[in-house]
Amino acid sequence: MLFELSAKIVEIQVDSFFIGFSSGEDNELYFVILRDEFYIKEALPNVKSVYWEIDDQSWGEYGEIKEVT
């Protein structure tokens, strides 16, 4: 699956290992990536420990990320 989003807003929360991209103030379209708390101490995480979500939880899962540019 290829997903393209022109993000106007980028939010980074270092403490919770979260990065989010949004299309605008209404968050109509968004893409978030966050780490599973169990694996936070790993410098290079196992891909299965990274959760991603697009627009709502029905389009999210652990792992299966190949590239973010």
N, C-alpha and C. Protein backbone atom coordinates (compact mmCIF):
# COMPACT_ATOMS: atom_id res chain seq x y z
N MET A 1 0.85 -1.18 0.00
CA MET A 1 0.00 0.00 0.00
C MET A 1 0.88 1.23 0.00
N LEU A 2 0.57 2.18 -0.82
CA LEU A 2 1.28 3.44 -0.88
C LEU A 2 0.34 4.52 -0.36
N PHE A 3 0.84 5.33 0.58
CA PHE A 3 0.04 6.39 1.17
C PHE A 3 0.82 7.68 1.03
N GLU A 4 0.21 8.71 0.46
CA GLU A 4 0.89 9.99 0.29
C GLU A 4 0.10 11.06 1.04
N LEU A 5 0.82 11.88 1.80
CA LEU A 5 0.20 12.93 2.61
C LEU A 5 1.10 14.15 2.59
N SER A 6 0.56 15.29 2.23
CA SER A 6 1.30 16.55 2.33
C SER A 6 0.98 17.14 3.70
N ALA A 7 1.91 16.99 4.62
CA ALA A 7 1.67 17.37 6.01
C ALA A 7 1.91 18.86 6.22
N LYS A 8 0.93 19.52 6.81
CA LYS A 8 1.07 20.92 7.20
C LYS A 8 1.51 21.02 8.65
N ILE A 9 1.23 19.97 9.43
CA ILE A 9 1.57 19.95 10.85
C ILE A 9 2.37 18.68 11.14
N VAL A 10 3.49 18.83 11.84
CA VAL A 10 4.30 17.71 12.29
C VAL A 10 4.44 17.83 13.80
N GLU A 11 4.17 16.74 14.52
CA GLU A 11 4.30 16.74 15.98
C GLU A 11 5.23 15.62 16.39
N ILE A 12 6.20 15.95 17.24
CA ILE A 12 7.14 14.97 17.76
C ILE A 12 7.08 15.01 19.28
N GLN A 13 6.88 13.85 19.90
CA GLN A 13 6.90 13.73 21.35
C GLN A 13 8.01 12.76 21.71
N VAL A 14 9.18 13.30 22.04
CA VAL A 14 10.36 12.48 22.30
C VAL A 14 10.14 11.53 23.46
N ASP A 15 9.49 11.98 24.52
CA ASP A 15 9.29 11.14 25.72
C ASP A 15 8.47 9.89 25.44
N SER A 16 7.54 9.97 24.51
CA SER A 16 6.68 8.81 24.22
C SER A 16 7.00 8.16 22.88
N PHE A 17 8.13 8.57 22.27
CA PHE A 17 8.56 7.99 20.99
C PHE A 17 7.44 8.04 19.95
N PHE A 18 6.88 9.23 19.76
CA PHE A 18 5.74 9.46 18.87
C PHE A 18 6.12 10.49 17.83
N ILE A 19 5.75 10.26 16.57
CA ILE A 19 5.85 11.27 15.54
C ILE A 19 4.56 11.23 14.74
N GLY A 20 3.98 12.39 14.49
CA GLY A 20 2.71 12.45 13.78
C GLY A 20 2.73 13.52 12.70
N PHE A 21 2.04 13.25 11.62
CA PHE A 21 1.92 14.16 10.50
C PHE A 21 0.45 14.38 10.24
N SER A 22 0.04 15.63 10.00
CA SER A 22 -1.37 15.93 9.80
C SER A 22 -1.53 16.87 8.61
N SER A 23 -2.67 16.74 7.93
CA SER A 23 -2.96 17.58 6.76
C SER A 23 -3.40 18.98 7.15
N GLY A 24 -3.77 19.19 8.40
CA GLY A 24 -4.20 20.52 8.82
C GLY A 24 -4.77 20.52 10.21
N GLU A 25 -5.31 21.65 10.62
CA GLU A 25 -5.80 21.82 11.99
C GLU A 25 -6.94 20.87 12.34
N ASP A 26 -7.73 20.47 11.37
CA ASP A 26 -8.85 19.57 11.65
C ASP A 26 -8.42 18.11 11.71
N ASN A 27 -7.14 17.82 11.43
CA ASN A 27 -6.60 16.45 11.43
C ASN A 27 -7.40 15.52 10.53
N GLU A 28 -7.94 16.06 9.45
CA GLU A 28 -8.75 15.25 8.53
C GLU A 28 -7.96 14.03 8.04
N LEU A 29 -6.71 14.24 7.67
CA LEU A 29 -5.83 13.15 7.26
C LEU A 29 -4.60 13.18 8.16
N TYR A 30 -4.19 12.01 8.64
CA TYR A 30 -2.99 11.98 9.48
C TYR A 30 -2.27 10.65 9.36
N PHE A 31 -1.03 10.65 9.78
CA PHE A 31 -0.20 9.45 9.81
C PHE A 31 0.65 9.54 11.08
N VAL A 32 0.60 8.53 11.92
CA VAL A 32 1.39 8.51 13.15
C VAL A 32 2.23 7.24 13.23
N ILE A 33 3.38 7.37 13.87
CA ILE A 33 4.27 6.24 14.14
C ILE A 33 4.65 6.33 15.61
N LEU A 34 4.57 5.22 16.34
CA LEU A 34 5.02 5.21 17.72
C LEU A 34 5.58 3.86 18.10
N ARG A 35 6.44 3.88 19.12
CA ARG A 35 7.11 2.66 19.57
C ARG A 35 6.31 1.99 20.68
N ASP A 36 6.33 0.67 20.70
CA ASP A 36 5.75 -0.09 21.79
C ASP A 36 6.61 0.15 23.04
N GLU A 37 6.00 0.45 24.16
CA GLU A 37 6.73 0.76 25.39
C GLU A 37 7.68 -0.36 25.82
N PHE A 38 7.35 -1.59 25.51
CA PHE A 38 8.16 -2.73 25.92
C PHE A 38 9.54 -2.71 25.25
N TYR A 39 9.64 -2.13 24.06
CA TYR A 39 10.88 -2.13 23.29
C TYR A 39 11.62 -0.80 23.27
N ILE A 40 11.23 0.16 24.08
CA ILE A 40 11.79 1.50 24.02
C ILE A 40 13.30 1.53 24.23
N LYS A 41 13.86 0.63 25.03
CA LYS A 41 15.29 0.66 25.31
C LYS A 41 16.15 0.16 24.15
N GLU A 42 15.57 -0.48 23.16
CA GLU A 42 16.33 -0.95 22.01
C GLU A 42 16.68 0.22 21.10
N ALA A 43 17.98 0.34 20.76
CA ALA A 43 18.41 1.43 19.89
C ALA A 43 17.83 1.30 18.48
N LEU A 44 17.87 0.11 17.93
CA LEU A 44 17.27 -0.17 16.62
C LEU A 44 16.14 -1.16 16.84
N PRO A 45 14.91 -0.67 16.82
CA PRO A 45 13.79 -1.54 17.19
C PRO A 45 13.49 -2.62 16.17
N ASN A 46 12.96 -3.70 16.67
CA ASN A 46 12.38 -4.71 15.80
C ASN A 46 11.18 -4.03 15.14
N VAL A 47 11.03 -4.18 13.84
CA VAL A 47 9.94 -3.50 13.12
C VAL A 47 8.58 -3.85 13.71
N LYS A 48 8.42 -5.03 14.25
CA LYS A 48 7.14 -5.43 14.84
C LYS A 48 6.80 -4.63 16.10
N SER A 49 7.78 -3.89 16.66
CA SER A 49 7.52 -3.09 17.85
C SER A 49 7.10 -1.66 17.51
N VAL A 50 7.01 -1.35 16.23
CA VAL A 50 6.63 -0.01 15.79
C VAL A 50 5.18 -0.05 15.30
N TYR A 51 4.34 0.82 15.88
CA TYR A 51 2.93 0.90 15.51
C TYR A 51 2.74 2.09 14.58
N TRP A 52 1.98 1.90 13.53
CA TRP A 52 1.64 2.99 12.64
C TRP A 52 0.13 3.04 12.46
N GLU A 53 -0.36 4.24 12.16
CA GLU A 53 -1.81 4.42 11.99
C GLU A 53 -2.05 5.50 10.95
N ILE A 54 -3.03 5.26 10.08
CA ILE A 54 -3.43 6.22 9.05
C ILE A 54 -4.91 6.54 9.24
N ASP A 55 -5.21 7.79 9.53
CA ASP A 55 -6.57 8.34 9.61
C ASP A 55 -7.48 7.77 10.70
N ASP A 56 -7.40 6.53 11.06
CA ASP A 56 -8.12 5.99 12.21
C ASP A 56 -7.55 4.62 12.54
N GLN A 57 -7.97 4.05 13.65
CA GLN A 57 -7.37 2.80 14.10
C GLN A 57 -7.65 1.61 13.17
N SER A 58 -8.62 1.73 12.30
CA SER A 58 -8.88 0.62 11.38
C SER A 58 -7.79 0.51 10.31
N TRP A 59 -6.96 1.54 10.16
CA TRP A 59 -5.84 1.53 9.23
C TRP A 59 -4.53 1.59 9.99
N GLY A 60 -4.37 0.76 10.99
CA GLY A 60 -3.14 0.74 11.76
C GLY A 60 -2.76 -0.66 12.16
N GLU A 61 -1.45 -0.87 12.40
CA GLU A 61 -0.98 -2.17 12.85
C GLU A 61 0.48 -2.05 13.28
N TYR A 62 1.00 -3.12 13.85
CA TYR A 62 2.41 -3.18 14.21
C TYR A 62 3.21 -3.74 13.05
N GLY A 63 4.37 -3.14 12.79
CA GLY A 63 5.28 -3.64 11.77
C GLY A 63 4.84 -3.31 10.36
N GLU A 64 5.45 -3.99 9.41
CA GLU A 64 5.14 -3.90 7.99
C GLU A 64 5.45 -2.54 7.38
N ILE A 65 6.27 -1.69 8.03
CA ILE A 65 6.67 -0.42 7.44
C ILE A 65 7.95 -0.68 6.66
N LYS A 66 7.96 -0.28 5.40
CA LYS A 66 9.15 -0.46 4.58
C LYS A 66 9.91 0.84 4.40
N GLU A 67 9.20 1.98 4.31
CA GLU A 67 9.90 3.23 4.05
C GLU A 67 8.99 4.41 4.39
N VAL A 68 9.59 5.45 4.98
CA VAL A 68 8.92 6.73 5.21
C VAL A 68 9.86 7.79 4.69
N THR A 69 9.41 8.58 3.71
CA THR A 69 10.27 9.62 3.13
C THR A 69 9.61 10.97 3.22
